[in-house]
Amino acid sequence: MFARPPVERPGALGYGSYDDTLHALETAIEPGPFVLGQRFSAADVYLGSQIVWGTMTGTLEQRPSFAAYQRRVTERPAYQRIVAQNQRLAARLTETSAPA
């Protein structure tokens, strides 16, 4: 989606390549099941939302490690509850905004 020019100084602070960033992300999630191991944390809320959104919109390339992590995050009961709540709220909004 976005063209990324080559990085001139990958070792300098604040620099790096897209591939380096994806590798760091994979390194954080692959030991799993979550960033802190067995414990789900705020880091997983943030990374999970970014991975779900990025793969859904095509701004983050599909990788097996991302798909597995996304599955672990979205299968959690709390995630399922918020999805159901969002669907109920969206239905109510649709009902109230429908022309009479």
C-alpha atoms as a PDB file:
ATOM      1  CA  MET A   1       0.000   0.000   0.000  1.00  0.00           C
ATOM      2  CA  PHE A   2       2.806   2.422   0.871  1.00  0.00           C
ATOM      3  CA  ALA A   3       6.078   2.595  -1.036  1.00  0.00           C
ATOM      4  CA  ARG A   4       9.020   2.330   1.313  1.00  0.00           C
ATOM      5  CA  PRO A   5      12.362   3.675   0.104  1.00  0.00           C
ATOM      6  CA  PRO A   6      15.540   1.843   1.103  1.00  0.00           C
ATOM      7  CA  VAL A   7      16.923   2.820   4.480  1.00  0.00           C
ATOM      8  CA  GLU A   8      20.281   4.585   4.334  1.00  0.00           C
ATOM      9  CA  ARG A   9      21.326   4.012   7.962  1.00  0.00           C
ATOM     10  CA  PRO A  10      19.512   0.967   9.378  1.00  0.00           C
ATOM     11  CA  GLY A  11      21.685   0.893  12.518  1.00  0.00           C
ATOM     12  CA  ALA A  12      21.024   4.517  13.507  1.00  0.00           C
ATOM     13  CA  LEU A  13      18.544   5.417  16.231  1.00  0.00           C
ATOM     14  CA  GLY A  14      15.094   6.006  14.745  1.00  0.00           C
ATOM     15  CA  TYR A  15      15.957   4.229  11.531  1.00  0.00           C
ATOM     16  CA  GLY A  16      15.237   0.756  10.330  1.00  0.00           C
ATOM     17  CA  SER A  17      13.528  -1.058   7.568  1.00  0.00           C
ATOM     18  CA  TYR A  18       9.995  -2.305   7.257  1.00  0.00           C
ATOM     19  CA  ASP A  19      11.363  -5.861   7.183  1.00  0.00           C
ATOM     20  CA  ASP A  20      13.288  -5.243  10.420  1.00  0.00           C
ATOM     21  CA  THR A  21      10.091  -3.982  12.050  1.00  0.00           C
ATOM     22  CA  LEU A  22       8.083  -7.017  10.948  1.00  0.00           C
ATOM     23  CA  HIS A  23      10.850  -9.301  12.178  1.00  0.00           C
ATOM     24  CA  ALA A  24      10.798  -7.580  15.592  1.00  0.00           C
ATOM     25  CA  LEU A  25       7.014  -7.968  15.725  1.00  0.00           C
ATOM     26  CA  GLU A  26       7.259 -11.659  14.897  1.00  0.00           C
ATOM     27  CA  THR A  27       9.966 -12.089  17.531  1.00  0.00           C
ATOM     28  CA  ALA A  28       7.617 -10.596  20.141  1.00  0.00           C
ATOM     29  CA  ILE A  29       4.592 -12.772  19.317  1.00  0.00           C
ATOM     30  CA  GLU A  30       6.019 -16.101  18.168  1.00  0.00           C
ATOM     31  CA  PRO A  31       6.991 -17.610  21.535  1.00  0.00           C
ATOM     32  CA  GLY A  32       3.358 -16.950  22.547  1.00  0.00           C
ATOM     33  CA  PRO A  33       0.739 -17.461  23.139  1.00  0.00           C
ATOM     34  CA  PHE A  34       0.926 -13.761  24.054  1.00  0.00           C
ATOM     35  CA  VAL A  35       3.628 -11.101  24.303  1.00  0.00           C
ATOM     36  CA  LEU A  36       4.205 -11.904  28.000  1.00  0.00           C
ATOM     37  CA  GLY A  37       3.961 -15.639  27.453  1.00  0.00           C
ATOM     38  CA  GLN A  38       0.874 -17.192  29.027  1.00  0.00           C
ATOM     39  CA  ARG A  39      -0.370 -13.848  30.329  1.00  0.00           C
ATOM     40  CA  PHE A  40      -2.570 -11.620  28.141  1.00  0.00           C
ATOM     41  CA  SER A  41      -1.668  -7.956  28.668  1.00  0.00           C
ATOM     42  CA  ALA A  42      -2.260  -4.420  27.424  1.00  0.00           C
ATOM     43  CA  ALA A  43       0.562  -5.041  24.946  1.00  0.00           C
ATOM     44  CA  ASP A  44      -1.593  -7.746  23.362  1.00  0.00           C
ATOM     45  CA  VAL A  45      -4.580  -5.401  23.183  1.00  0.00           C
ATOM     46  CA  TYR A  46      -2.452  -2.917  21.246  1.00  0.00           C
ATOM     47  CA  LEU A  47      -0.547  -5.358  19.044  1.00  0.00           C
ATOM     48  CA  GLY A  48      -3.606  -7.499  18.448  1.00  0.00           C
ATOM     49  CA  SER A  49      -5.667  -4.542  17.266  1.00  0.00           C
ATOM     50  CA  GLN A  50      -2.863  -3.376  14.979  1.00  0.00           C
ATOM     51  CA  ILE A  51      -2.347  -6.827  13.476  1.00  0.00           C
ATOM     52  CA  VAL A  52      -6.090  -7.416  12.988  1.00  0.00           C
ATOM     53  CA  TRP A  53      -6.582  -3.978  11.417  1.00  0.00           C
ATOM     54  CA  GLY A  54      -3.394  -4.102   9.345  1.00  0.00           C
ATOM     55  CA  THR A  55      -4.070  -7.501   7.833  1.00  0.00           C
ATOM     56  CA  MET A  56      -7.735  -6.633   7.263  1.00  0.00           C
ATOM     57  CA  THR A  57      -6.881  -3.428   5.382  1.00  0.00           C
ATOM     58  CA  GLY A  58      -3.852  -4.832   3.582  1.00  0.00           C
ATOM     59  CA  THR A  59      -1.395  -2.414   5.195  1.00  0.00           C
ATOM     60  CA  LEU A  60       0.345  -5.309   6.947  1.00  0.00           C
ATOM     61  CA  GLU A  61       1.438  -8.289   4.927  1.00  0.00           C
ATOM     62  CA  GLN A  62      -0.006 -11.688   5.732  1.00  0.00           C
ATOM     63  CA  ARG A  63       2.366 -13.953   7.635  1.00  0.00           C
ATOM     64  CA  PRO A  64       1.620 -17.261   9.352  1.00  0.00           C
ATOM     65  CA  SER A  65       2.792 -15.901  12.716  1.00  0.00           C
ATOM     66  CA  PHE A  66       0.437 -12.912  12.404  1.00  0.00           C
ATOM     67  CA  ALA A  67      -2.502 -15.155  11.482  1.00  0.00           C
ATOM     68  CA  ALA A  68      -1.845 -17.472  14.439  1.00  0.00           C
ATOM     69  CA  TYR A  69      -1.524 -14.560  16.883  1.00  0.00           C
ATOM     70  CA  GLN A  70      -4.639 -12.904  15.484  1.00  0.00           C
ATOM     71  CA  ARG A  71      -6.553 -16.158  15.973  1.00  0.00           C
ATOM     72  CA  ARG A  72      -5.386 -16.435  19.602  1.00  0.00           C
ATOM     73  CA  VAL A  73      -6.430 -12.858  20.348  1.00  0.00           C
ATOM     74  CA  THR A  74      -9.810 -12.970  18.610  1.00  0.00           C
ATOM     75  CA  GLU A  75     -10.778 -16.332  20.132  1.00  0.00           C
ATOM     76  CA  ARG A  76     -10.576 -14.918  23.666  1.00  0.00           C
ATOM     77  CA  PRO A  77     -13.985 -14.721  25.403  1.00  0.00           C
ATOM     78  CA  ALA A  78     -13.566 -10.998  26.132  1.00  0.00           C
ATOM     79  CA  TYR A  79     -12.969 -10.304  22.446  1.00  0.00           C
ATOM     80  CA  GLN A  80     -16.039 -12.321  21.505  1.00  0.00           C
ATOM     81  CA  ARG A  81     -18.160 -10.403  24.031  1.00  0.00           C
ATOM     82  CA  ILE A  82     -17.134  -7.012  22.643  1.00  0.00           C
ATOM     83  CA  VAL A  83     -17.809  -8.151  19.071  1.00  0.00           C
ATOM     84  CA  ALA A  84     -21.306  -9.274  20.105  1.00  0.00           C
ATOM     85  CA  GLN A  85     -21.887  -5.991  21.944  1.00  0.00           C
ATOM     86  CA  ASN A  86     -20.773  -3.999  18.893  1.00  0.00           C
ATOM     87  CA  GLN A  87     -23.144  -5.974  16.689  1.00  0.00           C
ATOM     88  CA  ARG A  88     -26.072  -5.286  19.034  1.00  0.00           C
ATOM     89  CA  LEU A  89     -25.259  -1.567  19.131  1.00  0.00           C
ATOM     90  CA  ALA A  90     -24.910  -1.411  15.348  1.00  0.00           C
ATOM     91  CA  ALA A  91     -28.296  -3.118  14.972  1.00  0.00           C
ATOM     92  CA  ARG A  92     -29.894  -0.608  17.339  1.00  0.00           C
ATOM     93  CA  LEU A  93     -28.365   2.291  15.419  1.00  0.00           C
ATOM     94  CA  THR A  94     -29.675   0.852  12.170  1.00  0.00           C
ATOM     95  CA  GLU A  95     -33.151   0.478  13.649  1.00  0.00           C
ATOM     96  CA  THR A  96     -33.283   4.028  15.022  1.00  0.00           C
ATOM     97  CA  SER A  97     -31.887   5.641  11.880  1.00  0.00           C
ATOM     98  CA  ALA A  98     -34.146   3.794   9.433  1.00  0.00           C
ATOM     99  CA  PRO A  99     -36.705   6.078   7.715  1.00  0.00           C
ATOM    100  CA  ALA A 100     -40.242   5.709   9.021  1.00  0.00           C
END
